[in-house]
């Protein structure tokens, strides 16, 4: 991975190239899908909650024991005979009755159960300078590239280093050069299954070349609608939260997608501005574990209202360290700080990879940020005052009072007994 982080100033020498932070909330070695008080198991079709004491029966309808109020039990089978029998496994049953509350697991619970101990999902935020490029890789080898930065060499080099041979999907969020410029080379080097485009018309030569390349390579082409699903792989939910090919502005045409794998989700916003953000959070649940902040950290995006709804644990800012746009804006950084989001910038951390098994997530970076040596101000001590010399040897009080108008005390070097006529310890007062 390239290291764009080494710059002039004081540099911390890198002893290794990958650094990780692991989410501490779940024990990855002991993953369980909890459903109320009990763990959801494979083959389970539902559960019962005992509302009042109920008899547990064997296969001969003999009472084995009494199930107590408030207890929960897994249900593996249901028989419609004898008024309905719930099977608890091991040849044990309870009769369907008003003393029991029966529930079936939600789709989200079943999805979590399906991904336990499955291969991880990787989301790579590629350092392409001032631009965006995001690679999504599933454990089963499915791939999606979202944008390609401005320079094809950057993204093609990275994809090659990751062993990518083909891409199932390529997404162009909108037709700005810093998002689609690199995709022309991508289409030349890799076989692409489906190209998803914002559909926003644009008059640049780059955009025209991109459309020509899609046509020449006979790539399946799609312009999505808000609410569409992208079928990358089972158990990976990808929803289009915004798409508008008729938008008057390129950024407002940005395709915004949310990728969910178990309990971990990613919000990828393109260059969508705060108005689009408001549309999205009024229609969808936008809460996400990881946010790719809109428009490279510009203050046109990542409004406080949006950030407070997304509540990202991690935020990725994709921008060039030498950009002339002032990215990232201090207001955006403050909005992220207000929700305690850990911020990673490609300008500081190079390529950033978030890996998740659906329960925990791990952030790996290509480099550490360059640290600037703290310059401490030089403190110049104030000069010590030059003491005024003590004058002595006065002949009389007239001379003494020219120097010491109030006279002198008996402990002063200029004091003489002849100056203290009243013997009160003060001369020439």
Protein backbone atom coordinates (compact mmCIF):
# COMPACT_ATOMS: atom_id res chain seq x y z
CA UNK A 1 0.00 0.00 0.00
CA UNK A 2 1.27 3.43 -0.83
CA UNK A 3 2.15 5.82 1.94
CA UNK A 4 1.05 9.34 1.09
CA UNK A 5 1.30 10.31 4.71
CA UNK A 6 5.09 10.88 4.82
CA UNK A 7 5.60 14.60 4.47
CA UNK A 8 8.13 17.23 5.51
CA UNK A 9 8.07 18.07 9.22
CA UNK A 10 8.75 15.75 12.11
CA UNK A 11 7.93 12.15 11.07
CA UNK A 12 7.41 9.19 13.29
CA UNK A 13 9.30 6.25 11.76
CA UNK A 14 6.89 3.44 10.82
CA UNK A 15 8.00 0.09 12.16
CA UNK A 16 5.08 -1.73 10.57
CA UNK A 17 2.44 -0.81 8.02
CA UNK A 18 -0.86 -2.01 9.44
CA UNK A 19 -2.44 -0.88 12.69
CA UNK A 20 -5.72 -2.11 14.11
CA UNK A 21 -8.48 -1.07 16.48
CA UNK A 22 -11.03 -3.70 17.46
CA UNK A 23 -14.53 -2.97 18.67
CA UNK A 24 -14.63 -4.17 22.27
CA UNK A 25 -18.33 -4.86 22.74
CA UNK A 26 -18.67 -8.51 21.70
CA UNK A 27 -16.57 -11.61 22.35
CA UNK A 28 -15.88 -12.85 18.84
CA UNK A 29 -14.86 -16.29 20.11
CA UNK A 30 -18.22 -16.88 21.81
CA UNK A 31 -20.79 -15.42 19.44
CA UNK A 32 -24.39 -15.97 20.40
CA UNK A 33 -27.62 -14.62 18.99
CA UNK A 34 -29.72 -13.81 22.04
CA UNK A 35 -33.50 -13.67 21.79
CA UNK A 36 -34.90 -12.42 25.04
CA UNK A 37 -33.53 -14.62 27.82
CA UNK A 38 -32.47 -17.50 25.56
CA UNK A 39 -29.99 -18.12 22.78
CA UNK A 40 -31.45 -18.63 19.30
CA UNK A 41 -30.36 -22.03 17.95
CA UNK A 42 -30.19 -23.64 14.53
CA UNK A 43 -33.42 -25.48 13.70
CA UNK A 44 -35.46 -23.42 16.17
CA UNK A 45 -38.79 -22.23 14.71
CA UNK A 46 -39.92 -20.13 17.66
CA UNK A 47 -40.11 -19.79 21.41
CA UNK A 48 -42.75 -19.79 24.12
CA UNK A 49 -43.00 -17.58 27.17
CA UNK A 50 -44.95 -19.16 30.04
CA UNK A 51 -47.70 -16.75 31.16
CA UNK A 52 -48.95 -19.05 33.94
CA UNK A 53 -47.82 -22.47 35.17
CA UNK A 54 -48.15 -25.06 32.38
CA UNK A 55 -47.60 -28.84 32.21
CA UNK A 56 -44.71 -30.25 30.18
CA UNK A 57 -45.69 -33.53 28.51
CA UNK A 58 -43.81 -36.47 27.05
CA UNK A 59 -44.78 -38.20 23.80
CA UNK A 60 -47.38 -40.24 25.69
CA UNK A 61 -48.99 -37.06 27.08
CA UNK A 62 -47.71 -37.85 30.56
CA UNK A 63 -46.89 -34.84 32.71
CA UNK A 64 -43.13 -34.61 33.20
CA UNK A 65 -43.00 -31.41 35.22
CA UNK A 66 -44.48 -27.93 35.49
CA UNK A 67 -43.13 -24.99 33.52
CA UNK A 68 -43.08 -21.87 35.68
CA UNK A 69 -44.49 -18.45 34.87
CA UNK A 70 -41.95 -16.18 33.14
CA UNK A 71 -39.77 -18.99 31.79
CA UNK A 72 -38.84 -19.13 28.08
CA UNK A 73 -38.31 -22.27 25.97
CA UNK A 74 -37.15 -22.95 22.43
CA UNK A 75 -39.68 -24.52 20.05
CA UNK A 76 -38.45 -26.83 17.29
CA UNK A 77 -41.69 -28.34 15.95
CA UNK A 78 -45.43 -27.76 15.90
CA UNK A 79 -48.14 -30.40 15.48
CA UNK A 80 -51.73 -29.47 14.77
CA UNK A 81 -53.10 -32.57 16.52
CA UNK A 82 -54.73 -32.51 19.97
CA UNK A 83 -55.44 -28.81 19.72
CA UNK A 84 -51.84 -27.99 18.86
CA UNK A 85 -48.58 -29.22 20.37
CA UNK A 86 -45.34 -27.24 20.59
CA UNK A 87 -42.24 -29.45 20.49
CA UNK A 88 -39.42 -28.49 22.83
CA UNK A 89 -37.09 -31.22 21.58
CA UNK A 90 -36.23 -34.55 23.16
CA UNK A 91 -39.79 -35.82 22.70
CA UNK A 92 -41.26 -33.19 25.05
CA UNK A 93 -44.33 -31.05 24.28
CA UNK A 94 -46.67 -28.42 25.67
CA UNK A 95 -50.24 -27.91 24.59
CA UNK A 96 -51.12 -24.73 22.75
CA UNK A 97 -53.14 -22.61 25.17
CA UNK A 98 -53.70 -19.12 26.55
CA UNK A 99 -51.12 -19.89 29.25
CA UNK A 100 -48.39 -19.57 26.63
CA UNK A 101 -47.14 -16.78 24.39
CA UNK A 102 -45.66 -18.12 21.13
CA UNK A 103 -43.30 -16.03 18.96
CA UNK A 104 -41.33 -16.64 15.78
CA UNK A 105 -37.84 -15.15 15.28
CA UNK A 106 -37.56 -11.97 13.25
CA UNK A 107 -35.83 -11.93 9.89
CA UNK A 108 -32.95 -9.96 11.39
CA UNK A 109 -32.46 -12.60 14.11
CA UNK A 110 -32.40 -15.37 11.53
CA UNK A 111 -29.90 -13.42 9.44
CA UNK A 112 -27.62 -13.07 12.45
CA UNK A 113 -27.94 -16.78 13.13
CA UNK A 114 -26.96 -17.55 9.54
CA UNK A 115 -23.75 -15.50 9.69
CA UNK A 116 -22.42 -16.85 12.99
CA UNK A 117 -18.95 -18.28 12.27
CA UNK A 118 -19.27 -17.35 8.60
CA UNK A 119 -16.52 -15.54 6.67
CA UNK A 120 -16.08 -11.81 7.25
CA UNK A 121 -17.08 -8.84 5.13
CA UNK A 122 -14.40 -6.30 4.20
CA UNK A 123 -14.96 -2.67 3.22
CA UNK A 124 -11.85 -0.95 1.86
CA UNK A 125 -11.67 2.85 1.74
CA UNK A 126 -8.93 3.30 -0.86
CA UNK A 127 -6.58 6.27 -0.63
CA UNK A 128 -7.07 7.95 -4.02
CA UNK A 129 -6.17 11.46 -2.86
CA UNK A 130 -8.92 14.01 -3.38
CA UNK A 131 -11.71 11.61 -4.32
CA UNK A 132 -13.64 8.49 -3.33
CA UNK A 133 -13.15 4.79 -4.01
CA UNK A 134 -14.56 1.98 -1.88
CA UNK A 135 -14.13 -1.76 -2.38
CA UNK A 136 -16.56 -4.20 -0.75
CA UNK A 137 -15.43 -7.85 -0.52
CA UNK A 138 -17.49 -10.70 0.91
CA UNK A 139 -16.00 -13.83 2.39
CA UNK A 140 -17.26 -15.81 -0.59
CA UNK A 141 -15.39 -13.65 -3.08
CA UNK A 142 -18.18 -11.33 -4.22
CA UNK A 143 -17.01 -7.79 -4.94
CA UNK A 144 -18.42 -4.31 -5.43
CA UNK A 145 -16.49 -1.14 -6.23
CA UNK A 146 -18.13 2.17 -5.35
CA UNK A 147 -16.46 5.01 -7.31
CA UNK A 148 -12.91 5.01 -8.63
CA UNK A 149 -11.27 8.30 -7.70
CA UNK A 150 -9.79 10.52 -10.38
CA UNK A 151 -6.75 8.49 -11.40
CA UNK A 152 -7.19 4.93 -12.62
CA UNK A 153 -3.64 3.95 -11.65
CA UNK A 154 -4.44 4.36 -7.95
CA UNK A 155 -7.48 2.13 -7.85
CA UNK A 156 -6.23 -0.49 -10.35
CA UNK A 157 -3.00 -0.83 -8.38
CA UNK A 158 -4.94 -1.35 -5.18
CA UNK A 159 -7.36 -3.87 -6.68
CA UNK A 160 -4.43 -5.83 -8.07
CA UNK A 161 -2.74 -5.89 -4.66
CA UNK A 162 -5.96 -7.37 -3.25
CA UNK A 163 -5.99 -10.14 -5.84
CA UNK A 164 -9.15 -8.91 -7.55
CA UNK A 165 -9.82 -10.61 -10.90
CA UNK A 166 -13.36 -9.40 -11.57
CA UNK A 167 -15.98 -7.15 -10.06
CA UNK A 168 -19.59 -8.21 -9.61
CA UNK A 169 -20.76 -4.60 -9.36
CA UNK A 170 -19.29 -1.19 -10.05
CA UNK A 171 -21.20 1.84 -8.76
CA UNK A 172 -20.68 5.41 -9.98
CA UNK A 173 -22.41 7.51 -7.32
CA UNK A 174 -22.42 10.62 -9.54
CA UNK A 175 -20.48 11.91 -12.56
CA UNK A 176 -17.87 14.15 -10.89
CA UNK A 177 -14.31 13.58 -12.10
CA UNK A 178 -12.97 12.67 -8.64
CA UNK A 179 -15.46 9.78 -8.46
CA UNK A 180 -15.55 8.38 -12.01
CA UNK A 181 -12.17 9.28 -13.52
CA UNK A 182 -10.52 6.05 -12.40
CA UNK A 183 -13.40 3.82 -13.47
CA UNK A 184 -12.46 3.94 -17.17
CA UNK A 185 -9.24 2.05 -16.41
CA UNK A 186 -11.12 -0.29 -14.08
CA UNK A 187 -13.47 -1.31 -16.90
CA UNK A 188 -10.47 -1.93 -19.14
CA UNK A 189 -8.63 -4.15 -16.66
CA UNK A 190 -11.46 -6.10 -15.02
CA UNK A 191 -14.51 -8.04 -16.07
CA UNK A 192 -17.54 -6.28 -14.57
CA UNK A 193 -20.91 -7.94 -14.03
CA UNK A 194 -23.18 -4.91 -13.58
CA UNK A 195 -22.50 -1.19 -13.76
CA UNK A 196 -24.81 0.89 -11.55
CA UNK A 197 -24.87 4.54 -12.56
CA UNK A 198 -26.63 7.55 -11.07
CA UNK A 199 -28.03 8.28 -14.54
CA UNK A 200 -27.24 11.97 -14.15
CA UNK A 201 -26.26 13.30 -17.58
CA UNK A 202 -22.96 15.14 -17.84
CA UNK A 203 -21.06 16.74 -20.72
CA UNK A 204 -17.45 15.99 -19.80
CA UNK A 205 -15.20 13.89 -22.01
CA UNK A 206 -14.51 11.58 -19.05
CA UNK A 207 -18.20 10.80 -18.62
CA UNK A 208 -18.61 10.19 -22.35
CA UNK A 209 -15.63 7.80 -22.35
CA UNK A 210 -17.07 5.95 -19.36
CA UNK A 211 -20.41 5.36 -21.09
CA UNK A 212 -18.59 4.25 -24.24
CA UNK A 213 -16.50 1.77 -22.24
CA UNK A 214 -19.63 0.31 -20.62
CA UNK A 215 -21.20 -0.15 -24.04
CA UNK A 216 -18.07 -1.53 -25.73
CA UNK A 217 -17.54 -4.10 -22.96
CA UNK A 218 -21.23 -5.09 -23.07
CA UNK A 219 -21.61 -4.58 -19.33
CA UNK A 220 -25.06 -4.88 -17.80
CA UNK A 221 -26.16 -1.30 -17.05
CA UNK A 222 -28.62 -0.13 -14.41
CA UNK A 223 -29.89 3.18 -13.06
CA UNK A 224 -31.36 2.50 -9.60
CA UNK A 225 -34.33 3.99 -7.80
CA UNK A 226 -34.59 4.95 -4.15
CA UNK A 227 -35.43 1.84 -2.13
CA UNK A 228 -33.86 -0.64 -4.58
CA UNK A 229 -31.84 -3.59 -3.27
CA UNK A 230 -28.47 -4.70 -4.67
CA UNK A 231 -28.06 -8.48 -4.46
CA UNK A 232 -24.36 -8.95 -3.83
CA UNK A 233 -24.58 -11.98 -1.52
CA UNK A 234 -27.01 -13.66 0.85
CA UNK A 235 -26.93 -12.15 4.35
CA UNK A 236 -25.41 -8.89 3.02
CA UNK A 237 -28.20 -6.35 2.69
CA UNK A 238 -27.49 -3.41 0.38
CA UNK A 239 -30.22 -0.79 0.10
CA UNK A 240 -30.25 2.30 -2.11
CA UNK A 241 -31.35 5.14 0.19
CA UNK A 242 -31.17 7.81 -2.49
CA UNK A 243 -30.97 8.01 -6.27
CA UNK A 244 -32.16 10.83 -8.53
CA UNK A 245 -31.06 10.93 -12.16
CA UNK A 246 -33.08 14.13 -12.68
CA UNK A 247 -31.32 16.15 -9.98
CA UNK A 248 -30.19 19.59 -11.12
CA UNK A 249 -26.84 19.21 -9.38
CA UNK A 250 -24.31 16.37 -9.70
CA UNK A 251 -23.90 16.01 -5.96
CA UNK A 252 -27.66 15.86 -5.42
CA UNK A 253 -27.77 12.94 -7.85
CA UNK A 254 -25.45 10.92 -5.60
CA UNK A 255 -26.39 7.30 -5.05
CA UNK A 256 -26.42 6.70 -1.30
CA UNK A 257 -26.28 3.10 -0.12
CA UNK A 258 -26.42 1.35 3.24
CA UNK A 259 -24.64 -1.98 3.56
CA UNK A 260 -25.70 -4.18 6.49
CA UNK A 261 -24.03 -7.39 7.60
CA UNK A 262 -25.54 -8.71 10.80
CA UNK A 263 -25.24 -6.05 13.49
CA UNK A 264 -22.66 -3.96 11.60
CA UNK A 265 -23.62 -1.48 8.89
CA UNK A 266 -21.96 1.02 6.55
CA UNK A 267 -23.43 4.28 5.22
CA UNK A 268 -21.84 5.35 1.92
CA UNK A 269 -23.02 8.81 0.93
CA UNK A 270 -21.12 9.91 -2.18
CA UNK A 271 -21.25 13.72 -2.26
CA UNK A 272 -24.86 14.01 -1.07
CA UNK A 273 -25.48 17.35 0.63
CA UNK A 274 -27.42 18.13 3.79
CA UNK A 275 -30.73 18.48 1.92
CA UNK A 276 -30.41 14.92 0.60
CA UNK A 277 -29.37 13.76 4.06
CA UNK A 278 -32.62 15.16 5.44
CA UNK A 279 -34.64 13.35 2.76
CA UNK A 280 -32.92 10.11 3.68
CA UNK A 281 -33.35 10.25 7.44
CA UNK A 282 -37.01 11.16 7.02
CA UNK A 283 -37.56 7.95 4.99
CA UNK A 284 -35.11 5.38 6.35
CA UNK A 285 -33.34 4.19 9.45
CA UNK A 286 -29.92 5.76 8.87
CA UNK A 287 -28.19 4.54 12.02
CA UNK A 288 -24.90 2.92 10.99
CA UNK A 289 -21.71 1.62 12.54
CA UNK A 290 -19.45 3.18 9.91
CA UNK A 291 -20.10 6.38 7.96
CA UNK A 292 -18.27 7.50 4.84
CA UNK A 293 -18.81 11.22 5.33
CA UNK A 294 -20.33 13.03 2.37
CA UNK A 295 -18.35 15.26 0.00
CA UNK A 296 -14.93 14.61 1.53
CA UNK A 297 -15.77 16.38 4.80
CA UNK A 298 -17.20 19.52 3.19
CA UNK A 299 -19.61 21.59 5.28
CA UNK A 300 -22.23 21.10 2.55
CA UNK A 301 -22.72 17.61 4.01
CA UNK A 302 -22.63 15.78 7.36
CA UNK A 303 -25.11 18.11 9.04
CA UNK A 304 -25.42 17.86 12.80
CA UNK A 305 -28.98 16.54 12.45
CA UNK A 306 -27.80 13.77 10.11
CA UNK A 307 -24.80 12.81 12.24
CA UNK A 308 -26.97 12.62 15.37
CA UNK A 309 -29.25 10.15 13.57
CA UNK A 310 -26.50 8.03 12.03
CA UNK A 311 -24.53 7.89 15.31
CA UNK A 312 -21.48 6.35 13.64
CA UNK A 313 -18.92 4.58 15.80
CA UNK A 314 -16.39 5.16 13.02
CA UNK A 315 -16.30 7.84 10.32
CA UNK A 316 -14.13 7.78 7.20
CA UNK A 317 -13.09 11.04 5.55
CA UNK A 318 -11.71 10.57 2.02
CA UNK A 319 -9.72 13.59 0.84
CA UNK A 320 -6.27 14.66 -0.32
CA UNK A 321 -3.97 16.17 2.25
CA UNK A 322 -2.96 18.97 -0.11
CA UNK A 323 -6.48 19.83 -1.29
CA UNK A 324 -7.42 23.46 -1.92
CA UNK A 325 -11.02 23.10 -0.71
CA UNK A 326 -10.40 23.26 3.01
CA UNK A 327 -11.51 19.65 3.52
CA UNK A 328 -12.37 18.57 6.11
CA UNK A 329 -14.38 21.48 7.47
CA UNK A 330 -14.02 22.11 11.21
CA UNK A 331 -17.81 22.14 11.63
CA UNK A 332 -18.04 18.59 10.26
CA UNK A 333 -15.28 17.40 12.58
CA UNK A 334 -17.08 19.00 15.53
CA UNK A 335 -20.37 17.31 14.53
CA UNK A 336 -18.58 13.96 14.56
CA UNK A 337 -16.94 14.69 17.89
CA UNK A 338 -20.37 15.45 19.35
CA UNK A 339 -21.36 11.78 18.90
CA UNK A 340 -17.91 10.45 19.91
CA UNK A 341 -17.23 9.03 16.45
CA UNK A 342 -13.67 7.81 15.81
CA UNK A 343 -12.50 9.64 12.68
CA UNK A 344 -10.09 8.18 10.12
CA UNK A 345 -8.94 10.26 7.14
CA UNK A 346 -7.26 8.72 4.09
CA UNK A 347 -4.96 11.75 4.02
CA UNK A 348 -3.65 10.69 7.43
CA UNK A 349 -4.13 6.92 7.58
CA UNK A 350 -3.78 6.01 3.85
CA UNK A 351 -5.89 2.96 2.86
CA UNK A 352 -8.44 2.10 5.55
CA UNK A 353 -10.06 -1.34 5.83
CA UNK A 354 -13.00 -2.21 8.07
CA UNK A 355 -13.49 -5.97 8.55
CA UNK A 356 -16.57 -7.40 10.26
CA UNK A 357 -18.03 -10.80 11.07
CA UNK A 358 -21.44 -9.23 11.59
CA UNK A 359 -20.91 -8.85 15.33
CA UNK A 360 -17.59 -7.08 15.82
CA UNK A 361 -15.54 -4.87 13.53
CA UNK A 362 -11.84 -4.22 13.07
CA UNK A 363 -10.26 -1.09 11.58
CA UNK A 364 -6.89 -1.49 9.86
CA UNK A 365 -4.93 1.37 8.33
CA UNK A 366 -2.09 1.57 5.84
CA UNK A 367 -0.12 4.08 7.88
CA UNK A 368 -0.17 6.17 11.00
CA UNK A 369 -0.78 9.91 10.77
CA UNK A 370 2.31 12.07 10.56
CA UNK A 371 3.00 13.78 13.84
CA UNK A 372 4.28 17.32 13.81
CA UNK A 373 6.87 18.18 16.41
CA UNK A 374 5.34 20.46 18.98
CA UNK A 375 7.03 23.84 18.89
CA UNK A 376 7.29 25.35 22.32
CA UNK A 377 7.67 29.12 22.56
CA UNK A 378 11.09 30.33 23.71
CA UNK A 379 10.71 32.00 27.07
CA UNK A 380 13.12 34.90 27.54
CA UNK A 381 13.51 35.69 31.22
CA UNK A 382 12.87 39.26 32.24
CA UNK A 383 16.07 41.14 33.05
CA UNK A 384 16.78 41.56 36.72
CA UNK A 385 16.45 45.17 37.83
CA UNK A 386 19.72 46.97 38.52
CA UNK A 387 19.73 47.88 42.20
CA UNK A 388 19.94 51.57 43.01
CA UNK A 389 23.25 52.22 44.81
CA UNK A 390 22.94 53.25 48.45
CA UNK A 391 24.39 56.67 49.13
CA UNK A 392 26.04 57.47 52.46
CA UNK A 393 28.39 60.02 53.95
CA UNK A 394 26.02 62.94 54.09
CA UNK A 395 27.34 65.96 56.08
CA UNK A 396 23.94 67.13 57.23
CA UNK A 397 20.19 66.55 56.87
CA UNK A 398 19.91 69.05 54.05
CA UNK A 399 22.16 66.92 51.84
CA UNK A 400 20.55 63.66 53.00
CA UNK A 401 16.99 64.80 52.28
CA UNK A 402 17.91 65.63 48.69
CA UNK A 403 18.35 61.89 48.22
CA UNK A 404 16.01 60.54 50.91
CA UNK A 405 13.24 63.14 51.31
CA UNK A 406 11.56 61.24 54.16
CA UNK A 407 14.72 60.64 56.08
CA UNK A 408 16.21 57.27 56.97
CA UNK A 409 15.67 54.67 59.66
CA UNK A 410 18.32 53.63 62.12
CA UNK A 411 19.11 50.47 60.13
CA UNK A 412 19.86 52.42 56.94
CA UNK A 413 23.59 52.75 56.01
CA UNK A 414 23.22 56.55 55.71
CA UNK A 415 21.88 56.91 59.28
CA UNK A 416 24.05 58.75 61.78
CA UNK A 417 23.13 59.45 65.44
CA UNK A 418 23.66 63.17 64.90
CA UNK A 419 20.75 63.13 62.39
CA UNK A 420 18.37 61.74 65.05
CA UNK A 421 18.00 64.61 67.47
CA UNK A 422 14.85 63.28 69.15
CA UNK A 423 16.35 59.82 69.51
CA UNK A 424 13.30 58.06 67.98
CA UNK A 425 15.29 55.85 65.61
CA UNK A 426 14.62 57.96 62.51
CA UNK A 427 17.12 60.47 61.14
CA UNK A 428 16.27 63.73 59.39
CA UNK A 429 12.52 63.14 59.52
